[in-house]
Amino acid sequence: PAFTGSEFFVENDDLRERFENFFSFLTNKDRGALMDKKE
């Protein structure tokens, strides 16, 4: 890959918890125009 380290992986419980905590800090403003399109 051009971006060394890019991959598909299965999240373990620790990673899922980190990922969910990370997203809990995001606001609609942080997610920008894509959030509007998603809605």
PDB file of all heavy atoms in Angstrom:
ATOM      1  N   PRO A   1       0.836  -1.202   0.000  1.00  0.00           N
ATOM      2  CA  PRO A   1       0.000   0.000   0.000  1.00  0.00           C
ATOM      3  C   PRO A   1       0.871   1.253   0.000  1.00  0.00           C
ATOM      4  O   PRO A   1       2.004   1.225   0.485  1.00  0.00           O
ATOM      5  CB  PRO A   1      -0.777  -0.116   1.314  1.00  0.00           C
ATOM      6  CG  PRO A   1       0.115  -0.905   2.207  1.00  0.00           C
ATOM      7  CD  PRO A   1       0.874  -1.860   1.305  1.00  0.00           C
ATOM      8  N   ALA A   2       0.345   2.343  -0.556  1.00  0.00           N
ATOM      9  CA  ALA A   2       1.065   3.617  -0.510  1.00  0.00           C
ATOM     10  C   ALA A   2       1.238   4.052   0.936  1.00  0.00           C
ATOM     11  O   ALA A   2       2.278   4.584   1.319  1.00  0.00           O
ATOM     12  CB  ALA A   2       0.314   4.680  -1.313  1.00  0.00           C
ATOM     13  N   PHE A   3       0.212   3.826   1.754  1.00  0.00           N
ATOM     14  CA  PHE A   3       0.252   4.187   3.170  1.00  0.00           C
ATOM     15  C   PHE A   3       0.613   2.933   3.971  1.00  0.00           C
ATOM     16  O   PHE A   3      -0.259   2.152   4.344  1.00  0.00           O
ATOM     17  CB  PHE A   3      -1.095   4.765   3.624  1.00  0.00           C
ATOM     18  CG  PHE A   3      -1.413   6.068   2.952  1.00  0.00           C
ATOM     19  CD1 PHE A   3      -2.121   6.094   1.766  1.00  0.00           C
ATOM     20  CD2 PHE A   3      -0.987   7.266   3.504  1.00  0.00           C
ATOM     21  CE1 PHE A   3      -2.398   7.290   1.135  1.00  0.00           C
ATOM     22  CE2 PHE A   3      -1.269   8.471   2.884  1.00  0.00           C
ATOM     23  CZ  PHE A   3      -1.967   8.493   1.693  1.00  0.00           C
ATOM     24  N   THR A   4       1.901   2.739   4.188  1.00  0.00           N
ATOM     25  CA  THR A   4       2.385   1.562   4.899  1.00  0.00           C
ATOM     26  C   THR A   4       1.703   1.455   6.257  1.00  0.00           C
ATOM     27  O   THR A   4       1.700   2.403   7.029  1.00  0.00           O
ATOM     28  CB  THR A   4       3.911   1.647   5.086  1.00  0.00           C
ATOM     29  OG1 THR A   4       4.510   1.775   3.793  1.00  0.00           O
ATOM     30  CG2 THR A   4       4.451   0.420   5.792  1.00  0.00           C
ATOM     31  N   GLY A   5       1.087   0.299   6.504  1.00  0.00           N
ATOM     32  CA  GLY A   5       0.376   0.076   7.761  1.00  0.00           C
ATOM     33  C   GLY A   5      -1.132   0.101   7.605  1.00  0.00           C
ATOM     34  O   GLY A   5      -1.854  -0.256   8.521  1.00  0.00           O
ATOM     35  N   SER A   6      -1.608   0.516   6.428  1.00  0.00           N
ATOM     36  CA  SER A   6      -3.066   0.519   6.224  1.00  0.00           C
ATOM     37  C   SER A   6      -3.558  -0.920   6.160  1.00  0.00           C
ATOM     38  O   SER A   6      -2.909  -1.782   5.579  1.00  0.00           O
ATOM     39  CB  SER A   6      -3.431   1.268   4.944  1.00  0.00           C
ATOM     40  OG  SER A   6      -2.899   0.607   3.813  1.00  0.00           O
ATOM     41  N   GLU A   7      -4.712  -1.184   6.795  1.00  0.00           N
ATOM     42  CA  GLU A   7      -5.208  -2.556   6.830  1.00  0.00           C
ATOM     43  C   GLU A   7      -6.643  -2.614   7.340  1.00  0.00           C
ATOM     44  O   GLU A   7      -7.147  -1.657   7.920  1.00  0.00           O
ATOM     45  CB  GLU A   7      -4.336  -3.412   7.746  1.00  0.00           C
ATOM     46  CG  GLU A   7      -4.453  -3.009   9.212  1.00  0.00           C
ATOM     47  CD  GLU A   7      -3.716  -3.933  10.165  1.00  0.00           C
ATOM     48  OE1 GLU A   7      -3.509  -5.112   9.833  1.00  0.00           O
ATOM     49  OE2 GLU A   7      -3.364  -3.471  11.249  1.00  0.00           O
ATOM     50  N   PHE A   8      -7.251  -3.762   7.115  1.00  0.00           N
ATOM     51  CA  PHE A   8      -8.546  -4.088   7.698  1.00  0.00           C
ATOM     52  C   PHE A   8      -8.260  -4.940   8.929  1.00  0.00           C
ATOM     53  O   PHE A   8      -7.488  -5.881   8.853  1.00  0.00           O
ATOM     54  CB  PHE A   8      -9.392  -4.922   6.725  1.00  0.00           C
ATOM     55  CG  PHE A   8      -9.776  -4.176   5.478  1.00  0.00           C
ATOM     56  CD1 PHE A   8      -9.006  -4.265   4.327  1.00  0.00           C
ATOM     57  CD2 PHE A   8     -10.914  -3.394   5.448  1.00  0.00           C
ATOM     58  CE1 PHE A   8      -9.366  -3.592   3.178  1.00  0.00           C
ATOM     59  CE2 PHE A   8     -11.288  -2.714   4.303  1.00  0.00           C
ATOM     60  CZ  PHE A   8     -10.511  -2.813   3.168  1.00  0.00           C
ATOM     61  N   PHE A   9      -8.874  -4.618  10.054  1.00  0.00           N
ATOM     62  CA  PHE A   9      -8.640  -5.422  11.243  1.00  0.00           C
ATOM     63  C   PHE A   9      -9.906  -5.517  12.082  1.00  0.00           C
ATOM     64  O   PHE A   9     -10.823  -4.716  11.937  1.00  0.00           O
ATOM     65  CB  PHE A   9      -7.465  -4.882  12.074  1.00  0.00           C
ATOM     66  CG  PHE A   9      -7.658  -3.491  12.617  1.00  0.00           C
ATOM     67  CD1 PHE A   9      -8.166  -3.290  13.893  1.00  0.00           C
ATOM     68  CD2 PHE A   9      -7.309  -2.389  11.859  1.00  0.00           C
ATOM     69  CE1 PHE A   9      -8.324  -2.005  14.398  1.00  0.00           C
ATOM     70  CE2 PHE A   9      -7.461  -1.099  12.364  1.00  0.00           C
ATOM     71  CZ  PHE A   9      -7.979  -0.907  13.632  1.00  0.00           C
ATOM     72  N   VAL A  10      -9.930  -6.518  12.935  1.00  0.00           N
ATOM     73  CA  VAL A  10     -11.048  -6.703  13.855  1.00  0.00           C
ATOM     74  C   VAL A  10     -10.658  -6.048  15.156  1.00  0.00           C
ATOM     75  O   VAL A  10      -9.575  -6.276  15.678  1.00  0.00           O
ATOM     76  CB  VAL A  10     -11.338  -8.203  14.091  1.00  0.00           C
ATOM     77  CG1 VAL A  10     -12.434  -8.375  15.132  1.00  0.00           C
ATOM     78  CG2 VAL A  10     -11.722  -8.885  12.797  1.00  0.00           C
ATOM     79  N   GLU A  11     -11.548  -5.251  15.674  1.00  0.00           N
ATOM     80  CA  GLU A  11     -11.268  -4.564  16.923  1.00  0.00           C
ATOM     81  C   GLU A  11     -11.389  -5.533  18.092  1.00  0.00           C
ATOM     82  O   GLU A  11     -12.313  -6.320  18.152  1.00  0.00           O
ATOM     83  CB  GLU A  11     -12.263  -3.433  17.141  1.00  0.00           C
ATOM     84  CG  GLU A  11     -12.167  -2.362  16.110  1.00  0.00           C
ATOM     85  CD  GLU A  11     -13.206  -1.300  16.349  1.00  0.00           C
ATOM     86  OE1 GLU A  11     -13.537  -1.041  17.505  1.00  0.00           O
ATOM     87  OE2 GLU A  11     -13.684  -0.746  15.363  1.00  0.00           O
ATOM     88  N   ASN A  12     -10.463  -5.419  19.019  1.00  0.00           N
ATOM     89  CA  ASN A  12     -10.629  -6.151  20.273  1.00  0.00           C
ATOM     90  C   ASN A  12     -11.375  -5.242  21.247  1.00  0.00           C
ATOM     91  O   ASN A  12     -11.639  -4.088  20.949  1.00  0.00           O
ATOM     92  CB  ASN A  12      -9.277  -6.616  20.826  1.00  0.00           C
ATOM     93  CG  ASN A  12      -8.336  -5.453  21.102  1.00  0.00           C
ATOM     94  OD1 ASN A  12      -8.757  -4.365  21.465  1.00  0.00           O
ATOM     95  ND2 ASN A  12      -7.046  -5.690  20.906  1.00  0.00           N
ATOM     96  N   ASP A  13     -11.714  -5.749  22.413  1.00  0.00           N
ATOM     97  CA  ASP A  13     -12.503  -4.963  23.364  1.00  0.00           C
ATOM     98  C   ASP A  13     -11.794  -3.688  23.782  1.00  0.00           C
ATOM     99  O   ASP A  13     -12.406  -2.639  23.899  1.00  0.00           O
ATOM    100  CB  ASP A  13     -12.841  -5.797  24.603  1.00  0.00           C
ATOM    101  CG  ASP A  13     -13.841  -6.898  24.270  1.00  0.00           C
ATOM    102  OD1 ASP A  13     -14.558  -6.758  23.266  1.00  0.00           O
ATOM    103  OD2 ASP A  13     -13.885  -7.882  25.025  1.00  0.00           O
ATOM    104  N   ASP A  14     -10.460  -3.753  24.019  1.00  0.00           N
ATOM    105  CA  ASP A  14      -9.720  -2.556  24.409  1.00  0.00           C
ATOM    106  C   ASP A  14      -9.770  -1.498  23.326  1.00  0.00           C
ATOM    107  O   ASP A  14      -9.989  -0.321  23.597  1.00  0.00           O
ATOM    108  CB  ASP A  14      -8.244  -2.885  24.683  1.00  0.00           C
ATOM    109  CG  ASP A  14      -8.038  -3.564  26.020  1.00  0.00           C
ATOM    110  OD1 ASP A  14      -8.984  -3.587  26.822  1.00  0.00           O
ATOM    111  OD2 ASP A  14      -6.918  -4.060  26.249  1.00  0.00           O
ATOM    112  N   LEU A  15      -9.548  -1.930  22.077  1.00  0.00           N
ATOM    113  CA  LEU A  15      -9.557  -0.980  20.973  1.00  0.00           C
ATOM    114  C   LEU A  15     -10.944  -0.396  20.779  1.00  0.00           C
ATOM    115  O   LEU A  15     -11.105   0.801  20.569  1.00  0.00           O
ATOM    116  CB  LEU A  15      -9.069  -1.647  19.688  1.00  0.00           C
ATOM    117  CG  LEU A  15      -8.900  -0.725  18.492  1.00  0.00           C
ATOM    118  CD1 LEU A  15      -7.979   0.441  18.828  1.00  0.00           C
ATOM    119  CD2 LEU A  15      -8.355  -1.504  17.323  1.00  0.00           C
ATOM    120  N   ARG A  16     -11.984  -1.241  20.887  1.00  0.00           N
ATOM    121  CA  ARG A  16     -13.343  -0.727  20.732  1.00  0.00           C
ATOM    122  C   ARG A  16     -13.631   0.322  21.808  1.00  0.00           C
ATOM    123  O   ARG A  16     -14.197   1.358  21.522  1.00  0.00           O
ATOM    124  CB  ARG A  16     -14.395  -1.837  20.817  1.00  0.00           C
ATOM    125  CG  ARG A  16     -15.809  -1.235  20.858  1.00  0.00           C
ATOM    126  CD  ARG A  16     -16.882  -2.108  20.329  1.00  0.00           C
ATOM    127  NE  ARG A  16     -16.822  -2.415  18.950  1.00  0.00           N
ATOM    128  CZ  ARG A  16     -17.181  -1.577  17.976  1.00  0.00           C
ATOM    129  NH1 ARG A  16     -17.565  -0.363  18.227  1.00  0.00           N
ATOM    130  NH2 ARG A  16     -17.138  -1.962  16.738  1.00  0.00           N
ATOM    131  N   GLU A  17     -13.204   0.052  23.048  1.00  0.00           N
ATOM    132  CA  GLU A  17     -13.443   1.012  24.127  1.00  0.00           C
ATOM    133  C   GLU A  17     -12.703   2.321  23.843  1.00  0.00           C
ATOM    134  O   GLU A  17     -13.255   3.402  23.995  1.00  0.00           O
ATOM    135  CB  GLU A  17     -12.995   0.426  25.461  1.00  0.00           C
ATOM    136  CG  GLU A  17     -13.320   1.329  26.642  1.00  0.00           C
ATOM    137  CD  GLU A  17     -12.935   0.704  27.973  1.00  0.00           C
ATOM    138  OE1 GLU A  17     -12.765  -0.533  28.021  1.00  0.00           O
ATOM    139  OE2 GLU A  17     -12.797   1.471  28.934  1.00  0.00           O
ATOM    140  N   ARG A  18     -11.430   2.230  23.414  1.00  0.00           N
ATOM    141  CA  ARG A  18     -10.675   3.441  23.064  1.00  0.00           C
ATOM    142  C   ARG A  18     -11.359   4.194  21.944  1.00  0.00           C
ATOM    143  O   ARG A  18     -11.469   5.416  21.969  1.00  0.00           O
ATOM    144  CB  ARG A  18      -9.258   3.065  22.606  1.00  0.00           C
ATOM    145  CG  ARG A  18      -8.269   2.974  23.710  1.00  0.00           C
ATOM    146  CD  ARG A  18      -6.846   2.776  23.230  1.00  0.00           C
ATOM    147  NE  ARG A  18      -6.552   3.327  21.946  1.00  0.00           N
ATOM    148  CZ  ARG A  18      -5.795   2.729  21.038  1.00  0.00           C
ATOM    149  NH1 ARG A  18      -5.254   1.577  21.284  1.00  0.00           N
ATOM    150  NH2 ARG A  18      -5.553   3.296  19.884  1.00  0.00           N
ATOM    151  N   PHE A  19     -11.808   3.465  20.920  1.00  0.00           N
ATOM    152  CA  PHE A  19     -12.462   4.061  19.759  1.00  0.00           C
ATOM    153  C   PHE A  19     -13.743   4.762  20.187  1.00  0.00           C
ATOM    154  O   PHE A  19     -14.008   5.893  19.790  1.00  0.00           O
ATOM    155  CB  PHE A  19     -12.755   2.939  18.752  1.00  0.00           C
ATOM    156  CG  PHE A  19     -12.785   3.381  17.326  1.00  0.00           C
ATOM    157  CD1 PHE A  19     -11.652   3.896  16.714  1.00  0.00           C
ATOM    158  CD2 PHE A  19     -13.943   3.274  16.590  1.00  0.00           C
ATOM    159  CE1 PHE A  19     -11.678   4.287  15.393  1.00  0.00           C
ATOM    160  CE2 PHE A  19     -13.985   3.659  15.269  1.00  0.00           C
ATOM    161  CZ  PHE A  19     -12.844   4.172  14.671  1.00  0.00           C
ATOM    162  N   GLU A  20     -14.565   4.099  21.011  1.00  0.00           N
ATOM    163  CA  GLU A  20     -15.819   4.703  21.455  1.00  0.00           C
ATOM    164  C   GLU A  20     -15.559   5.920  22.338  1.00  0.00           C
ATOM    165  O   GLU A  20     -16.254   6.930  22.222  1.00  0.00           O
ATOM    166  CB  GLU A  20     -16.682   3.668  22.184  1.00  0.00           C
ATOM    167  CG  GLU A  20     -17.285   2.670  21.220  1.00  0.00           C
ATOM    168  CD  GLU A  20     -18.031   1.537  21.890  1.00  0.00           C
ATOM    169  OE1 GLU A  20     -18.008   1.438  23.137  1.00  0.00           O
ATOM    170  OE2 GLU A  20     -18.634   0.729  21.152  1.00  0.00           O
ATOM    171  N   ASN A  21     -14.538   5.865  23.200  1.00  0.00           N
ATOM    172  CA  ASN A  21     -14.190   7.027  24.012  1.00  0.00           C
ATOM    173  C   ASN A  21     -13.740   8.185  23.139  1.00  0.00           C
ATOM    174  O   ASN A  21     -14.100   9.335  23.377  1.00  0.00           O
ATOM    175  CB  ASN A  21     -13.094   6.684  25.023  1.00  0.00           C
ATOM    176  CG  ASN A  21     -13.595   5.806  26.142  1.00  0.00           C
ATOM    177  OD1 ASN A  21     -14.788   5.738  26.399  1.00  0.00           O
ATOM    178  ND2 ASN A  21     -12.672   5.116  26.791  1.00  0.00           N
ATOM    179  N   PHE A  22     -12.951   7.869  22.112  1.00  0.00           N
ATOM    180  CA  PHE A  22     -12.479   8.899  21.186  1.00  0.00           C
ATOM    181  C   PHE A  22     -13.662   9.604  20.529  1.00  0.00           C
ATOM    182  O   PHE A  22     -13.724  10.827  20.482  1.00  0.00           O
ATOM    183  CB  PHE A  22     -11.573   8.254  20.124  1.00  0.00           C
ATOM    184  CG  PHE A  22     -11.216   9.162  18.984  1.00  0.00           C
ATOM    185  CD1 PHE A  22     -10.336  10.223  19.173  1.00  0.00           C
ATOM    186  CD2 PHE A  22     -11.748   8.948  17.726  1.00  0.00           C
ATOM    187  CE1 PHE A  22     -10.002  11.051  18.115  1.00  0.00           C
ATOM    188  CE2 PHE A  22     -11.422   9.773  16.667  1.00  0.00           C
ATOM    189  CZ  PHE A  22     -10.539  10.823  16.863  1.00  0.00           C
ATOM    190  N   PHE A  23     -14.632   8.827  20.046  1.00  0.00           N
ATOM    191  CA  PHE A  23     -15.762   9.432  19.357  1.00  0.00           C
ATOM    192  C   PHE A  23     -16.713  10.165  20.294  1.00  0.00           C
ATOM    193  O   PHE A  23     -17.423  11.062  19.874  1.00  0.00           O
ATOM    194  CB  PHE A  23     -16.511   8.392  18.521  1.00  0.00           C
ATOM    195  CG  PHE A  23     -15.752   8.016  17.301  1.00  0.00           C
ATOM    196  CD1 PHE A  23     -15.206   6.762  17.164  1.00  0.00           C
ATOM    197  CD2 PHE A  23     -15.533   8.943  16.299  1.00  0.00           C
ATOM    198  CE1 PHE A  23     -14.471   6.428  16.048  1.00  0.00           C
ATOM    199  CE2 PHE A  23     -14.794   8.621  15.182  1.00  0.00           C
ATOM    200  CZ  PHE A  23     -14.265   7.366  15.053  1.00  0.00           C
ATOM    201  N   SER A  24     -16.706   9.815  21.568  1.00  0.00           N
ATOM    202  CA  SER A  24     -17.581  10.513  22.505  1.00  0.00           C
ATOM    203  C   SER A  24     -17.148  11.963  22.673  1.00  0.00           C
ATOM    204  O   SER A  24     -17.946  12.812  23.056  1.00  0.00           O
ATOM    205  CB  SER A  24     -17.622   9.794  23.855  1.00  0.00           C
ATOM    206  OG  SER A  24     -16.402   9.953  24.533  1.00  0.00           O
ATOM    207  N   PHE A  25     -15.875  12.275  22.375  1.00  0.00           N
ATOM    208  CA  PHE A  25     -15.381  13.640  22.491  1.00  0.00           C
ATOM    209  C   PHE A  25     -15.677  14.493  21.258  1.00  0.00           C
ATOM    210  O   PHE A  25     -15.554  15.708  21.304  1.00  0.00           O
ATOM    211  CB  PHE A  25     -13.871  13.653  22.757  1.00  0.00           C
ATOM    212  CG  PHE A  25     -13.525  13.116  24.111  1.00  0.00           C
ATOM    213  CD1 PHE A  25     -12.909  11.888  24.237  1.00  0.00           C
ATOM    214  CD2 PHE A  25     -13.829  13.832  25.253  1.00  0.00           C
ATOM    215  CE1 PHE A  25     -12.597  11.382  25.484  1.00  0.00           C
ATOM    216  CE2 PHE A  25     -13.518  13.330  26.507  1.00  0.00           C
ATOM    217  CZ  PHE A  25     -12.901  12.106  26.623  1.00  0.00           C
ATOM    218  N   LEU A  26     -16.014  13.843  20.161  1.00  0.00           N
ATOM    219  CA  LEU A  26     -16.286  14.608  18.950  1.00  0.00           C
ATOM    220  C   LEU A  26     -17.622  15.328  19.063  1.00  0.00           C
ATOM    221  O   LEU A  26     -18.570  14.821  19.644  1.00  0.00           O
ATOM    222  CB  LEU A  26     -16.322  13.688  17.717  1.00  0.00           C
ATOM    223  CG  LEU A  26     -14.996  13.024  17.363  1.00  0.00           C
ATOM    224  CD1 LEU A  26     -15.186  12.107  16.164  1.00  0.00           C
ATOM    225  CD2 LEU A  26     -13.932  14.050  17.064  1.00  0.00           C
ATOM    226  N   THR A  27     -17.697  16.483  18.484  1.00  0.00           N
ATOM    227  CA  THR A  27     -18.964  17.216  18.438  1.00  0.00           C
ATOM    228  C   THR A  27     -19.440  17.263  17.004  1.00  0.00           C
ATOM    229  O   THR A  27     -18.694  16.940  16.081  1.00  0.00           O
ATOM    230  CB  THR A  27     -18.785  18.662  18.934  1.00  0.00           C
ATOM    231  OG1 THR A  27     -17.905  19.327  18.022  1.00  0.00           O
ATOM    232  CG2 THR A  27     -18.226  18.723  20.341  1.00  0.00           C
ATOM    233  N   ASN A  28     -20.671  17.664  16.792  1.00  0.00           N
ATOM    234  CA  ASN A  28     -21.179  17.797  15.417  1.00  0.00           C
ATOM    235  C   ASN A  28     -20.301  18.742  14.616  1.00  0.00           C
ATOM    236  O   ASN A  28     -20.056  18.517  13.433  1.00  0.00           O
ATOM    237  CB  ASN A  28     -22.616  18.301  15.423  1.00  0.00           C
ATOM    238  CG  ASN A  28     -23.584  17.239  15.871  1.00  0.00           C
ATOM    239  OD1 ASN A  28     -23.223  16.068  15.991  1.00  0.00           O
ATOM    240  ND2 ASN A  28     -24.808  17.631  16.132  1.00  0.00           N
ATOM    241  N   LYS A  29     -19.811  19.785  15.255  1.00  0.00           N
ATOM    242  CA  LYS A  29     -18.943  20.736  14.555  1.00  0.00           C
ATOM    243  C   LYS A  29     -17.664  20.045  14.097  1.00  0.00           C
ATOM    244  O   LYS A  29     -17.192  20.264  12.988  1.00  0.00           O
ATOM    245  CB  LYS A  29     -18.606  21.899  15.475  1.00  0.00           C
ATOM    246  CG  LYS A  29     -17.731  22.945  14.831  1.00  0.00           C
ATOM    247  CD  LYS A  29     -17.501  24.119  15.781  1.00  0.00           C
ATOM    248  CE  LYS A  29     -16.640  25.142  15.102  1.00  0.00           C
ATOM    249  NZ  LYS A  29     -15.311  25.209  15.603  1.00  0.00           N
ATOM    250  N   ASP A  30     -17.077  19.202  14.959  1.00  0.00           N
ATOM    251  CA  ASP A  30     -15.845  18.508  14.614  1.00  0.00           C
ATOM    252  C   ASP A  30     -16.025  17.563  13.439  1.00  0.00           C
ATOM    253  O   ASP A  30     -15.118  17.341  12.673  1.00  0.00           O
ATOM    254  CB  ASP A  30     -15.309  17.696  15.792  1.00  0.00           C
ATOM    255  CG  ASP A  30     -14.814  18.569  16.912  1.00  0.00           C
ATOM    256  OD1 ASP A  30     -14.369  19.697  16.627  1.00  0.00           O
ATOM    257  OD2 ASP A  30     -14.891  18.129  18.072  1.00  0.00           O
ATOM    258  N   ARG A  31     -17.212  16.994  13.318  1.00  0.00           N
ATOM    259  CA  ARG A  31     -17.435  16.017  12.249  1.00  0.00           C
ATOM    260  C   ARG A  31     -17.805  16.701  10.954  1.00  0.00           C
ATOM    261  O   ARG A  31     -17.867  16.079   9.921  1.00  0.00           O
ATOM    262  CB  ARG A  31     -18.509  15.023  12.671  1.00  0.00           C
ATOM    263  CG  ARG A  31     -17.917  14.193  13.819  1.00  0.00           C
ATOM    264  CD  ARG A  31     -18.606  13.007  14.156  1.00  0.00           C
ATOM    265  NE  ARG A  31     -18.581  11.993  13.152  1.00  0.00           N
ATOM    266  CZ  ARG A  31     -19.162  10.832  13.337  1.00  0.00           C
ATOM    267  NH1 ARG A  31     -19.754  10.571  14.465  1.00  0.00           N
ATOM    268  NH2 ARG A  31     -19.157   9.939  12.395  1.00  0.00           N
ATOM    269  N   GLY A  32     -18.080  18.006  10.992  1.00  0.00           N
ATOM    270  CA  GLY A  32     -18.231  18.819   9.788  1.00  0.00           C
ATOM    271  C   GLY A  32     -19.393  18.436   8.908  1.00  0.00           C
ATOM    272  O   GLY A  32     -20.412  17.925   9.341  1.00  0.00           O
ATOM    273  N   ALA A  33     -19.193  18.705   7.622  1.00  0.00           N
ATOM    274  CA  ALA A  33     -20.266  18.570   6.641  1.00  0.00           C
ATOM    275  C   ALA A  33     -20.743  17.140   6.496  1.00  0.00           C
ATOM    276  O   ALA A  33     -21.890  16.907   6.137  1.00  0.00           O
ATOM    277  CB  ALA A  33     -19.802  19.100   5.287  1.00  0.00           C
ATOM    278  N   LEU A  34     -19.874  16.161   6.772  1.00  0.00           N
ATOM    279  CA  LEU A  34     -20.293  14.771   6.613  1.00  0.00           C
ATOM    280  C   LEU A  34     -21.414  14.429   7.574  1.00  0.00           C
ATOM    281  O   LEU A  34     -22.341  13.717   7.226  1.00  0.00           O
ATOM    282  CB  LEU A  34     -19.112  13.825   6.829  1.00  0.00           C
ATOM    283  CG  LEU A  34     -19.403  12.364   6.579  1.00  0.00           C
ATOM    284  CD1 LEU A  34     -19.985  12.162   5.189  1.00  0.00           C
ATOM    285  CD2 LEU A  34     -18.160  11.547   6.731  1.00  0.00           C
ATOM    286  N   MET A  35     -21.374  14.969   8.781  1.00  0.00           N
ATOM    287  CA  MET A  35     -22.438  14.711   9.749  1.00  0.00           C
ATOM    288  C   MET A  35     -23.775  15.192   9.181  1.00  0.00           C
ATOM    289  O   MET A  35     -24.779  14.511   9.288  1.00  0.00           O
ATOM    290  CB  MET A  35     -22.140  15.417  11.074  1.00  0.00           C
ATOM    291  CG  MET A  35     -23.237  15.235  12.106  1.00  0.00           C
ATOM    292  SD  MET A  35     -23.509  13.527  12.549  1.00  0.00           S
ATOM    293  CE  MET A  35     -22.199  13.307  13.712  1.00  0.00           C
ATOM    294  N   ASP A  36     -23.757  16.361   8.566  1.00  0.00           N
ATOM    295  CA  ASP A  36     -24.990  16.884   7.984  1.00  0.00           C
ATOM    296  C   ASP A  36     -25.525  15.938   6.907  1.00  0.00           C
ATOM    297  O   ASP A  36     -26.694  15.638   6.827  1.00  0.00           O
ATOM    298  CB  ASP A  36     -24.781  18.271   7.401  1.00  0.00           C
ATOM    299  CG  ASP A  36     -24.384  19.276   8.468  1.00  0.00           C
ATOM    300  OD1 ASP A  36     -24.749  19.063   9.645  1.00  0.00           O
ATOM    301  OD2 ASP A  36     -23.712  20.255   8.118  1.00  0.00           O
ATOM    302  N   LYS A  37     -24.626  15.437   6.048  1.00  0.00           N
ATOM    303  CA  LYS A  37     -25.031  14.514   4.993  1.00  0.00           C
ATOM    304  C   LYS A  37     -25.555  13.221   5.583  1.00  0.00           C
ATOM    305  O   LYS A  37     -26.530  12.650   5.113  1.00  0.00           O
ATOM    306  CB  LYS A  37     -23.844  14.191   4.080  1.00  0.00           C
ATOM    307  CG  LYS A  37     -23.464  15.332   3.170  1.00  0.00           C
ATOM    308  CD  LYS A  37     -22.282  14.924   2.314  1.00  0.00           C
ATOM    309  CE  LYS A  37     -21.731  16.104   1.564  1.00  0.00           C
ATOM    310  NZ  LYS A  37     -20.509  15.809   0.866  1.00  0.00           N
ATOM    311  N   LYS A  38     -24.912  12.741   6.653  1.00  0.00           N
ATOM    312  CA  LYS A  38     -25.364  11.504   7.276  1.00  0.00           C
ATOM    313  C   LYS A  38     -26.778  11.647   7.814  1.00  0.00           C
ATOM    314  O   LYS A  38     -27.585  10.750   7.696  1.00  0.00           O
ATOM    315  CB  LYS A  38     -24.432  11.133   8.432  1.00  0.00           C
ATOM    316  CG  LYS A  38     -23.098  10.592   8.000  1.00  0.00           C
ATOM    317  CD  LYS A  38     -22.228  10.544   9.217  1.00  0.00           C
ATOM    318  CE  LYS A  38     -21.544   9.232   9.366  1.00  0.00           C
ATOM    319  NZ  LYS A  38     -20.724   9.182  10.554  1.00  0.00           N
ATOM    320  N   GLU A  39     -27.076  12.795   8.411  1.00  0.00           N
ATOM    321  CA  GLU A  39     -28.404  13.001   8.954  1.00  0.00           C
ATOM    322  C   GLU A  39     -29.445  13.037   7.847  1.00  0.00           C
ATOM    323  O   GLU A  39     -30.557  12.559   7.994  1.00  0.00           O
ATOM    324  CB  GLU A  39     -28.434  14.295   9.775  1.00  0.00           C
ATOM    325  CG  GLU A  39     -27.651  14.150  11.073  1.00  0.00           C
ATOM    326  CD  GLU A  39     -27.412  15.473  11.779  1.00  0.00           C
ATOM    327  OE1 GLU A  39     -27.820  16.521  11.248  1.00  0.00           O
ATOM    328  OE2 GLU A  39     -26.816  15.446  12.866  1.00  0.00           O
TER     329      GLU A  39
END
